[in-house]
């Protein structure tokens, strides 16, 4: 039985991940050119800087590109796009960094998570409610975005509370 399906919001997360990959490539290119040329420009002093100095600057620049992509890849591994119940088993589909990843757990392995309103008010207001879905023997919970096309919240909460 299908309890949750999220295509539209998952597509947004996938595009954001792709955008961060492009971002990362640009920063890595900048890091490489810095490693090769830092100091040559007249504004930089007109003389090639020492290798340790160039390497240090290149590493800082590379981290500015890699860390957001790594964070997005990690988030994608927790972001659920589908929850299906098959008797005493639950099939969870996470977005994954490159492709969807399937996880199969027994219903008894699910632990109640928390619900979050996801409201932020300011110049731009956000209303993005979500749930966490915990699994025993797993440190990080899955993220259930409640802006999905199909979300049977009562069944998901009941499932993780052992009532499902």
Protein backbone atom coordinates (compact mmCIF):
# COMPACT_ATOMS: atom_id res chain seq x y z
CA UNK A 1 0.00 0.00 0.00
CA UNK A 2 1.38 3.39 -1.03
CA UNK A 3 1.54 5.79 1.95
CA UNK A 4 3.68 8.56 0.53
CA UNK A 5 4.79 9.74 -2.89
CA UNK A 6 6.77 12.87 -3.62
CA UNK A 7 7.75 13.69 -7.19
CA UNK A 8 7.50 17.48 -7.56
CA UNK A 9 9.44 18.52 -4.44
CA UNK A 10 11.94 15.72 -5.05
CA UNK A 11 12.52 17.14 -8.52
CA UNK A 12 13.35 20.50 -6.92
CA UNK A 13 15.83 18.85 -4.55
CA UNK A 14 17.40 16.97 -7.48
CA UNK A 15 17.81 20.21 -9.47
CA UNK A 16 19.32 21.91 -6.45
CA UNK A 17 21.79 19.03 -6.15
CA UNK A 18 22.70 19.39 -9.83
CA UNK A 19 23.13 23.14 -9.33
CA UNK A 20 25.51 22.49 -6.44
CA UNK A 21 27.46 20.06 -8.65
CA UNK A 22 27.92 22.80 -11.26
CA UNK A 23 28.82 25.21 -8.44
CA UNK A 24 31.39 22.70 -7.17
CA UNK A 25 32.99 22.28 -10.61
CA UNK A 26 33.36 26.05 -10.95
CA UNK A 27 35.02 26.34 -7.53
CA UNK A 28 37.30 23.37 -8.25
CA UNK A 29 38.38 25.02 -11.50
CA UNK A 30 39.09 28.23 -9.59
CA UNK A 31 41.07 26.23 -7.00
CA UNK A 32 43.12 24.60 -9.76
CA UNK A 33 43.95 27.90 -11.45
CA UNK A 34 44.84 29.38 -8.06
CA UNK A 35 47.20 26.46 -7.39
CA UNK A 36 48.87 27.03 -10.74
CA UNK A 37 48.91 30.84 -10.92
CA UNK A 38 48.40 32.49 -7.53
CA UNK A 39 50.62 35.56 -7.28
CA UNK A 40 51.37 36.05 -10.99
CA UNK A 41 48.88 38.88 -11.53
CA UNK A 42 50.19 42.38 -10.80
CA UNK A 43 47.43 42.85 -8.21
CA UNK A 44 48.70 39.73 -6.40
CA UNK A 45 52.31 40.92 -6.32
CA UNK A 46 53.53 39.90 -9.78
CA UNK A 47 55.48 36.84 -8.58
CA UNK A 48 54.29 33.27 -8.18
CA UNK A 49 53.68 32.55 -4.50
CA UNK A 50 55.25 29.57 -2.72
CA UNK A 51 53.68 26.16 -3.23
CA UNK A 52 52.41 25.82 0.38
CA UNK A 53 50.73 29.23 0.13
CA UNK A 54 49.15 28.38 -3.24
CA UNK A 55 48.06 24.97 -1.94
CA UNK A 56 46.49 26.45 1.18
CA UNK A 57 44.53 28.99 -0.84
CA UNK A 58 43.45 26.31 -3.35
CA UNK A 59 42.23 24.01 -0.55
CA UNK A 60 40.13 26.81 0.99
CA UNK A 61 38.59 27.61 -2.40
CA UNK A 62 37.96 23.92 -3.17
CA UNK A 63 36.22 23.43 0.19
CA UNK A 64 33.85 26.30 -0.63
CA UNK A 65 32.71 24.26 -3.61
CA UNK A 66 32.83 20.74 -2.24
CA UNK A 67 31.15 21.22 1.15
CA UNK A 68 27.77 22.47 -0.17
CA UNK A 69 27.66 19.59 -2.67
CA UNK A 70 28.59 17.08 0.04
CA UNK A 71 25.85 18.47 2.29
CA UNK A 72 23.29 18.26 -0.51
CA UNK A 73 24.34 14.69 -1.35
CA UNK A 74 23.94 13.75 2.32
CA UNK A 75 20.50 15.40 2.49
CA UNK A 76 19.46 13.59 -0.70
CA UNK A 77 20.32 10.26 0.92
CA UNK A 78 17.83 11.06 3.73
CA UNK A 79 15.08 12.67 1.61
CA UNK A 80 12.26 10.18 0.99
CA UNK A 81 10.36 10.14 -2.28
CA UNK A 82 8.18 7.09 -1.59
CA UNK A 83 6.95 4.99 1.33
CA UNK A 84 5.21 1.68 0.67
CA UNK A 85 3.83 -0.82 3.14
CA UNK A 86 3.96 -4.49 2.20
CA UNK A 87 2.57 -6.51 5.11
CA UNK A 88 5.15 -6.43 7.90
CA UNK A 89 7.72 -4.69 5.70
CA UNK A 90 8.16 -1.07 4.67
CA UNK A 91 9.90 -0.06 1.46
CA UNK A 92 11.46 3.41 1.66
CA UNK A 93 12.81 5.11 -1.45
CA UNK A 94 15.31 7.89 -0.80
CA UNK A 95 16.17 10.41 -3.50
CA UNK A 96 19.88 9.55 -3.34
CA UNK A 97 22.75 11.66 -4.60
CA UNK A 98 22.83 10.14 -8.09
CA UNK A 99 19.82 7.81 -8.26
CA UNK A 100 17.00 6.59 -6.03
CA UNK A 101 18.05 4.26 -3.22
CA UNK A 102 15.69 1.58 -1.89
CA UNK A 103 15.64 0.59 1.78
CA UNK A 104 13.60 -2.30 3.13
CA UNK A 105 12.82 -2.50 6.85
CA UNK A 106 10.47 -4.43 9.09
CA UNK A 107 7.64 -2.31 10.51
CA UNK A 108 8.92 -3.18 14.00
CA UNK A 109 12.23 -1.42 13.17
CA UNK A 110 10.56 1.98 12.76
CA UNK A 111 10.69 4.38 15.68
CA UNK A 112 8.48 7.45 16.12
CA UNK A 113 10.09 10.60 14.76
CA UNK A 114 9.16 14.24 15.18
CA UNK A 115 6.92 16.59 13.23
CA UNK A 116 8.16 20.03 12.25
CA UNK A 117 6.01 22.94 11.14
CA UNK A 118 8.70 24.30 8.87
CA UNK A 119 7.43 27.87 9.06
CA UNK A 120 9.71 30.84 8.66
CA UNK A 121 8.32 34.35 8.52
CA UNK A 122 10.20 37.38 7.36
CA UNK A 123 10.69 39.15 4.06
CA UNK A 124 10.10 35.75 2.49
CA UNK A 125 7.71 33.38 4.23
CA UNK A 126 8.17 29.63 4.06
CA UNK A 127 5.65 26.95 4.96
CA UNK A 128 7.34 23.57 4.50
CA UNK A 129 6.12 21.02 7.07
CA UNK A 130 8.04 17.76 7.40
CA UNK A 131 8.42 14.64 9.53
CA UNK A 132 11.36 12.53 10.53
CA UNK A 133 11.12 8.77 10.20
CA UNK A 134 13.59 6.93 12.39
CA UNK A 135 14.83 3.38 11.99
CA UNK A 136 16.53 1.39 14.75
CA UNK A 137 20.26 0.86 14.22
CA UNK A 138 20.40 3.92 11.97
CA UNK A 139 21.83 7.16 13.35
CA UNK A 140 20.17 9.65 11.00
CA UNK A 141 16.40 9.76 10.44
CA UNK A 142 14.78 9.97 7.03
CA UNK A 143 13.06 13.21 6.00
CA UNK A 144 9.40 13.06 4.91
CA UNK A 145 8.46 16.29 3.10
CA UNK A 146 4.74 16.84 3.68
CA UNK A 147 4.37 19.01 0.57
CA UNK A 148 4.23 15.78 -1.42
CA UNK A 149 1.53 14.86 -3.90
CA UNK A 150 0.44 11.99 -1.68
CA UNK A 151 1.07 11.89 2.06
CA UNK A 152 -1.02 9.78 4.43
CA UNK A 153 0.38 11.43 7.56
CA UNK A 154 -1.75 9.43 9.99
CA UNK A 155 -0.60 6.15 8.44
CA UNK A 156 3.06 7.22 8.43
CA UNK A 157 2.94 8.36 12.06
CA UNK A 158 1.01 5.23 13.01
CA UNK A 159 3.52 3.10 11.14
CA UNK A 160 6.46 4.55 13.01
CA UNK A 161 4.62 4.35 16.32
CA UNK A 162 4.05 0.63 15.85
CA UNK A 163 0.32 1.10 15.33
CA UNK A 164 0.48 0.87 11.53
